[in-house]
Amino acid sequence: MPVRFRLGLADLASAYFACSPIQETVLSLRMWTHPGRYPHTAAFEAMRPAFEALPAAPLLRALVAGNKYVPDFLTPRPTVPFPDFHAELARVRSFEPARLEAELAQTFLPHDRVLPPLLAERLDRPAELIGEIADALAAYWTRVLEPSWWPRARSVLHADIVHRARVLAERGAAGLFGDLDHRLRWADGVLTLAWEWGYEQESEVEVDGRGMTFLPTCFARGALTAIGPDLTPSITYLARGQATLAGPADPPPTPRALEQLLGTPKARLLALLHEPVSTTELARRLAVTPGAVSQHLTVLHATRLVTRARHGRLVLYTRTPLADRLLAP
């Protein structure tokens, strides 16, 4: 049934996009419990030995319900656009132990009917269980995701947010929300999420100054939400550019004349810059060094064929309208 978010003018003005590493860490656990449902399965299979080597791997799997739900307290809504993983993890550690049993029941009982044994047998020590879960997530992040997966995923998520900012500037709120996901519709100050699961009746959410957050993710099949009286209203949606996470790929073909004018490396770079991308991600896609990419980007920027902007901790590059015309067939 639909969830309707009522946003006043102040709510709309204060809504923001955020990139949450703790959310991606927790939602990525679906890759181990429901493999094959996302386009980057191969990348996670390459990380499987590192995941299986974690002593807490069974506990991490137990955090995902049969319908892929995860407890809401594990994905606190970011208070800033680009939070640090360890700062977010500290919020997970501070979750009130007395609320843990109800939180787990809300996640698992509607679909699975029972709590996972690894969680149920520790519920008599809720503070200890929260600490164990936080420690397991920290180890998973440090040993599995942060070294190779997160730099690539972060580039995709940041590029998505830059794209949304451009859509908002060009087409307004209605264009922005309609572009996020087919489940979302904006009309007359109401953002409606046509969500088929999780609610047996229609829900009305008054944002009422609490803020509204939009979070791109690599681990969803469509827009979803977590709502409650003490939660910041939010929408999590599938980020663009998922195919780029599979590994290096050949750039789109470039006009022969452009290759003769700029040289093949610079022409190939321009072909990849149809959306904002970082130097590191470009190097990965082209299977070359970041230094080589940086040299070419410096020339392309000086000749006004690309623009660059800092976004969080990344510098993202995208091609200019002039470059688009040069690449046109």
Protein backbone atom coordinates (compact mmCIF):
# COMPACT_ATOMS: atom_id res chain seq x y z
CA MET A 1 0.00 0.00 0.00
CA PRO A 2 1.23 3.54 -0.63
CA VAL A 3 3.14 5.67 1.84
CA ARG A 4 2.47 9.39 1.51
CA PHE A 5 4.96 11.96 2.73
CA ARG A 6 3.47 15.42 3.21
CA LEU A 7 6.12 18.09 2.75
CA GLY A 8 5.65 21.77 3.42
CA LEU A 9 7.73 24.37 1.63
CA ALA A 10 10.31 24.40 4.44
CA ASP A 11 10.51 20.59 4.36
CA LEU A 12 11.11 20.60 0.64
CA ALA A 13 13.75 23.31 0.95
CA SER A 14 15.65 21.39 3.66
CA ALA A 15 15.49 17.94 2.02
CA TYR A 16 18.91 16.60 1.06
CA PHE A 17 20.73 13.65 -0.49
CA ALA A 18 23.27 11.63 1.46
CA CYS A 19 25.71 8.81 0.87
CA SER A 20 25.74 6.41 3.84
CA PRO A 21 28.57 3.86 4.18
CA ILE A 22 26.82 2.09 7.09
CA GLN A 23 23.68 1.67 5.00
CA GLU A 24 25.67 0.17 2.14
CA THR A 25 27.51 -2.11 4.55
CA VAL A 26 24.29 -3.44 6.08
CA LEU A 27 22.32 -3.72 2.84
CA SER A 28 25.24 -5.47 1.15
CA LEU A 29 24.66 -8.40 3.52
CA ARG A 30 21.84 -9.28 1.13
CA MET A 31 24.53 -10.34 -1.33
CA TRP A 32 25.41 -13.24 0.97
CA THR A 33 21.84 -14.27 1.83
CA HIS A 34 20.14 -13.61 -1.53
CA PRO A 35 22.90 -13.97 -4.16
CA GLY A 36 22.23 -13.36 -7.82
CA ARG A 37 19.64 -10.61 -7.35
CA TYR A 38 21.93 -7.70 -8.20
CA PRO A 39 24.13 -6.96 -11.23
CA HIS A 40 27.38 -6.92 -9.24
CA THR A 41 27.19 -10.51 -8.00
CA ALA A 42 30.54 -11.36 -9.62
CA ALA A 43 32.33 -8.64 -7.65
CA PHE A 44 30.99 -10.05 -4.39
CA GLU A 45 31.86 -13.61 -5.31
CA ALA A 46 35.45 -12.40 -5.63
CA MET A 47 35.20 -11.14 -2.03
CA ARG A 48 33.56 -14.31 -0.70
CA PRO A 49 36.76 -15.85 0.74
CA ALA A 50 37.36 -12.71 2.80
CA PHE A 51 33.76 -12.70 4.00
CA GLU A 52 33.70 -16.40 4.89
CA ALA A 53 36.93 -15.94 6.86
CA LEU A 54 35.17 -13.55 9.25
CA PRO A 55 34.38 -15.28 12.56
CA ALA A 56 31.14 -13.29 12.69
CA ALA A 57 29.94 -14.23 9.18
CA PRO A 58 27.03 -16.33 10.55
CA LEU A 59 25.91 -13.46 12.79
CA LEU A 60 26.04 -11.05 9.85
CA ARG A 61 23.91 -13.37 7.71
CA ALA A 62 21.40 -13.64 10.55
CA LEU A 63 20.71 -9.89 10.32
CA VAL A 64 18.85 -10.31 7.01
CA ALA A 65 15.26 -11.56 7.06
CA GLY A 66 13.88 -13.95 4.47
CA ASN A 67 12.27 -11.01 2.62
CA LYS A 68 15.63 -9.13 2.69
CA TYR A 69 14.55 -6.73 5.46
CA VAL A 70 17.20 -5.61 7.96
CA PRO A 71 16.63 -4.00 11.38
CA ASP A 72 16.19 -0.26 11.02
CA PHE A 73 18.54 0.59 13.88
CA LEU A 74 21.45 -0.70 11.79
CA THR A 75 20.91 2.00 9.14
CA PRO A 76 20.51 5.31 11.00
CA ARG A 77 19.57 8.21 8.76
CA PRO A 78 22.65 10.40 8.07
CA THR A 79 22.66 13.85 9.62
CA VAL A 80 25.23 15.11 7.08
CA PRO A 81 25.54 14.35 3.35
CA PHE A 82 28.80 12.37 3.60
CA PRO A 83 29.11 10.73 7.02
CA ASP A 84 32.10 8.71 8.16
CA PHE A 85 31.52 4.98 8.60
CA HIS A 86 32.84 4.88 12.16
CA ALA A 87 30.72 7.87 13.18
CA GLU A 88 27.65 6.07 11.87
CA LEU A 89 28.70 2.85 13.60
CA ALA A 90 28.91 4.74 16.89
CA ARG A 91 25.21 5.57 16.48
CA VAL A 92 24.46 1.86 16.04
CA ARG A 93 26.42 1.08 19.23
CA SER A 94 24.41 3.69 21.14
CA PHE A 95 21.04 2.11 20.29
CA GLU A 96 18.96 1.66 23.43
CA PRO A 97 19.18 -2.02 24.51
CA ALA A 98 15.65 -2.02 25.90
CA ARG A 99 14.30 -1.44 22.38
CA LEU A 100 16.25 -4.22 20.67
CA GLU A 101 13.73 -7.05 21.07
CA ALA A 102 10.91 -4.98 19.56
CA GLU A 103 13.17 -3.86 16.73
CA LEU A 104 14.08 -7.44 15.83
CA ALA A 105 10.47 -8.59 16.13
CA GLN A 106 9.36 -5.89 13.72
CA THR A 107 11.99 -7.06 11.20
CA PHE A 108 11.65 -10.84 11.35
CA LEU A 109 8.28 -11.91 12.71
CA PRO A 110 5.93 -10.64 9.96
CA HIS A 111 7.70 -12.76 7.32
CA ASP A 112 9.87 -15.39 9.01
CA ARG A 113 7.57 -15.91 12.06
CA VAL A 114 10.58 -16.53 14.32
CA LEU A 115 13.78 -14.71 15.22
CA PRO A 116 17.04 -16.16 13.89
CA PRO A 117 18.48 -18.44 16.61
CA LEU A 118 21.80 -16.54 16.68
CA LEU A 119 19.88 -13.41 17.69
CA ALA A 120 17.17 -14.98 19.85
CA GLU A 121 19.64 -16.81 22.08
CA ARG A 122 21.42 -13.54 22.92
CA LEU A 123 18.35 -11.39 23.61
CA ASP A 124 18.76 -11.80 27.37
CA ARG A 125 21.92 -9.68 26.98
CA PRO A 126 20.76 -6.95 24.55
CA ALA A 127 23.59 -4.48 25.20
CA GLU A 128 26.12 -7.23 24.62
CA LEU A 129 24.37 -8.31 21.42
CA ILE A 130 24.37 -4.75 20.05
CA GLY A 131 28.11 -4.59 20.72
CA GLU A 132 28.69 -7.94 18.97
CA ILE A 133 26.73 -6.79 15.92
CA ALA A 134 28.65 -3.50 15.77
CA ASP A 135 31.98 -5.32 16.07
CA ALA A 136 30.94 -7.71 13.29
CA LEU A 137 29.99 -4.82 11.00
CA ALA A 138 33.29 -3.07 11.74
CA ALA A 139 35.28 -6.18 10.81
CA TYR A 140 33.19 -6.70 7.66
CA TRP A 141 33.76 -3.11 6.60
CA THR A 142 37.50 -3.10 7.31
CA ARG A 143 38.41 -6.51 5.89
CA VAL A 144 35.95 -6.96 3.03
CA LEU A 145 34.26 -3.79 1.75
CA GLU A 146 36.59 -0.87 2.41
CA PRO A 147 39.70 -2.12 0.53
CA SER A 148 38.19 -2.71 -2.91
CA TRP A 149 34.42 -2.38 -2.98
CA TRP A 150 33.76 0.93 -1.25
CA PRO A 151 35.95 3.19 -3.46
CA ARG A 152 34.04 1.98 -6.51
CA ALA A 153 30.61 2.10 -4.89
CA ARG A 154 31.26 5.55 -3.40
CA SER A 155 32.08 6.90 -6.86
CA VAL A 156 28.79 5.54 -8.21
CA LEU A 157 26.77 6.94 -5.31
CA HIS A 158 28.38 10.37 -5.48
CA ALA A 159 27.89 10.50 -9.25
CA ASP A 160 24.22 9.69 -8.74
CA ILE A 161 23.80 12.57 -6.31
CA VAL A 162 25.46 14.99 -8.74
CA HIS A 163 23.06 13.80 -11.43
CA ARG A 164 20.06 14.38 -9.13
CA ALA A 165 21.23 17.92 -8.40
CA ARG A 166 21.35 18.58 -12.13
CA VAL A 167 17.84 17.17 -12.62
CA LEU A 168 16.51 19.33 -9.79
CA ALA A 169 18.06 22.45 -11.33
CA GLU A 170 16.71 21.68 -14.79
CA ARG A 171 13.30 20.13 -14.07
CA GLY A 172 12.31 21.01 -10.50
CA ALA A 173 11.04 18.78 -7.69
CA ALA A 174 8.47 16.94 -9.82
CA GLY A 175 11.13 16.00 -12.36
CA LEU A 176 13.56 15.00 -9.62
CA PHE A 177 11.21 12.68 -7.75
CA GLY A 178 9.85 11.15 -10.94
CA ASP A 179 13.39 10.42 -12.08
CA LEU A 180 14.35 8.67 -8.83
CA ASP A 181 12.15 5.61 -9.20
CA HIS A 182 8.97 4.44 -10.88
CA ARG A 183 7.39 3.90 -7.45
CA LEU A 184 7.55 7.62 -6.59
CA ARG A 185 5.07 10.32 -7.57
CA TRP A 186 5.04 14.01 -6.55
CA ALA A 187 1.88 16.12 -6.63
CA ASP A 188 0.41 18.95 -4.54
CA GLY A 189 3.04 18.78 -1.81
CA VAL A 190 2.75 15.01 -1.36
CA LEU A 191 5.45 12.49 -2.27
CA THR A 192 3.79 9.08 -2.70
CA LEU A 193 5.75 5.86 -2.55
CA ALA A 194 3.81 3.00 -4.12
CA TRP A 195 5.39 0.28 -1.99
CA GLU A 196 3.95 -3.19 -2.30
CA TRP A 197 5.46 -4.64 0.89
CA GLY A 198 5.71 -3.76 4.53
CA TYR A 199 2.42 -1.95 5.17
CA GLU A 200 -1.07 -3.45 5.18
CA GLN A 201 -2.75 -0.06 4.97
CA GLU A 202 -2.00 3.35 3.56
CA SER A 203 0.38 5.46 5.65
CA GLU A 204 0.42 9.23 5.97
CA VAL A 205 3.69 10.77 7.15
CA GLU A 206 3.83 14.42 8.13
CA VAL A 207 7.45 15.45 7.67
CA ASP A 208 6.71 18.49 9.80
CA GLY A 209 10.23 19.88 10.15
CA ARG A 210 11.94 16.54 10.85
CA GLY A 211 13.87 16.68 7.57
CA MET A 212 13.67 14.42 4.53
CA THR A 213 16.66 12.40 3.36
CA PHE A 214 17.24 10.63 0.03
CA LEU A 215 19.84 7.87 -0.07
CA PRO A 216 21.12 6.14 -3.20
CA THR A 217 22.09 2.50 -2.74
CA CYS A 218 23.59 -0.36 -4.72
CA PHE A 219 21.39 -2.96 -3.01
CA ALA A 220 17.72 -2.39 -3.76
CA ARG A 221 15.26 -3.37 -6.46
CA GLY A 222 13.29 -0.14 -6.11
CA ALA A 223 12.57 2.76 -3.77
CA LEU A 224 11.86 1.87 -0.14
CA THR A 225 11.57 3.60 3.21
CA ALA A 226 11.78 3.19 6.96
CA ILE A 227 9.33 5.31 8.92
CA GLY A 228 8.53 5.74 12.58
CA PRO A 229 7.80 8.45 15.14
CA ASP A 230 11.48 8.77 16.06
CA LEU A 231 12.96 8.32 12.57
CA THR A 232 13.88 10.95 10.03
CA PRO A 233 11.60 10.41 7.02
CA SER A 234 13.70 8.99 4.21
CA ILE A 235 13.67 7.33 0.80
CA THR A 236 16.33 4.84 -0.27
CA TYR A 237 16.49 4.25 -4.02
CA LEU A 238 18.64 2.37 -6.52
CA ALA A 239 21.60 4.45 -7.70
CA ARG A 240 22.36 4.85 -11.38
CA GLY A 241 25.49 3.30 -12.90
CA GLN A 242 25.23 -0.20 -11.40
CA ALA A 243 26.72 -1.81 -14.50
CA THR A 244 30.03 -0.01 -13.95
CA LEU A 245 30.58 -1.97 -10.72
CA ALA A 246 31.01 -5.25 -12.57
CA GLY A 247 34.59 -4.50 -13.64
CA PRO A 248 36.58 -2.81 -16.41
CA ALA A 249 34.60 -2.36 -19.60
CA ASP A 250 35.33 -0.98 -23.02
CA PRO A 251 34.26 2.66 -23.38
CA PRO A 252 31.57 3.52 -25.93
CA PRO A 253 32.91 3.92 -29.49
CA THR A 254 34.32 7.34 -30.35
CA PRO A 255 34.40 9.11 -33.72
CA ARG A 256 37.61 8.37 -35.61
CA ALA A 257 38.14 12.06 -36.31
CA LEU A 258 37.99 12.84 -32.57
CA GLU A 259 40.62 10.18 -31.84
CA GLN A 260 42.85 11.73 -34.50
CA LEU A 261 42.32 15.18 -32.97
CA LEU A 262 42.78 14.34 -29.27
CA GLY A 263 44.49 10.97 -29.31
CA THR A 264 42.80 7.69 -28.41
CA PRO A 265 43.29 7.88 -24.59
CA LYS A 266 41.64 11.31 -24.25
CA ALA A 267 38.82 10.38 -26.63
CA ARG A 268 38.12 7.22 -24.61
CA LEU A 269 38.04 9.26 -21.41
CA LEU A 270 35.53 11.68 -22.86
CA ALA A 271 33.32 8.78 -23.90
CA LEU A 272 33.14 7.62 -20.27
CA LEU A 273 32.34 11.06 -18.86
CA HIS A 274 28.65 11.20 -19.73
CA GLU A 275 28.11 11.37 -15.96
CA PRO A 276 30.39 12.52 -13.11
CA VAL A 277 33.23 10.09 -12.36
CA SER A 278 36.33 10.24 -10.16
CA THR A 279 39.92 9.78 -11.36
CA THR A 280 40.25 6.51 -9.45
CA GLU A 281 37.07 5.09 -10.94
CA LEU A 282 38.09 6.11 -14.47
CA ALA A 283 41.42 4.37 -13.97
CA ARG A 284 39.65 1.22 -12.82
CA ARG A 285 37.28 1.20 -15.78
CA LEU A 286 40.11 1.70 -18.25
CA ALA A 287 42.57 -0.58 -16.44
CA VAL A 288 45.26 2.13 -16.33
CA THR A 289 46.96 4.08 -13.53
CA PRO A 290 45.23 7.05 -11.83
CA GLY A 291 48.31 9.15 -12.70
CA ALA A 292 47.82 8.55 -16.42
CA VAL A 293 44.14 9.45 -16.17
CA SER A 294 44.96 12.60 -14.19
CA GLN A 295 47.37 13.85 -16.86
CA HIS A 296 44.77 13.47 -19.59
CA LEU A 297 42.06 15.08 -17.47
CA THR A 298 44.27 18.09 -16.81
CA VAL A 299 44.57 18.69 -20.56
CA LEU A 300 40.85 18.11 -21.17
CA HIS A 301 39.96 20.51 -18.37
CA ALA A 302 42.33 23.18 -19.69
CA THR A 303 40.69 22.93 -23.12
CA ARG A 304 37.19 23.17 -21.57
CA LEU A 305 36.12 19.70 -22.61
CA VAL A 306 35.52 18.58 -19.02
CA THR A 307 34.44 20.25 -15.81
CA ARG A 308 35.33 19.19 -12.28
CA ALA A 309 33.76 19.73 -8.89
CA ARG A 310 34.52 18.53 -5.41
CA HIS A 311 31.77 16.34 -4.00
CA GLY A 312 32.43 15.23 -0.45
CA ARG A 313 35.97 13.85 -0.48
CA LEU A 314 35.96 13.18 -4.20
CA VAL A 315 36.69 15.32 -7.23
CA LEU A 316 34.27 14.31 -9.97
CA TYR A 317 34.74 15.03 -13.67
CA THR A 318 32.14 15.26 -16.38
CA ARG A 319 32.25 16.39 -19.98
CA THR A 320 30.96 19.73 -21.19
CA PRO A 321 28.33 20.43 -23.87
CA LEU A 322 31.21 21.14 -26.26
CA ALA A 323 32.55 17.63 -25.67
CA ASP A 324 29.07 16.20 -26.19
CA ARG A 325 28.96 17.80 -29.60
CA LEU A 326 32.39 16.46 -30.50
CA LEU A 327 31.27 12.94 -29.54
CA ALA A 328 28.01 13.11 -31.48
CA PRO A 329 27.87 10.68 -34.42
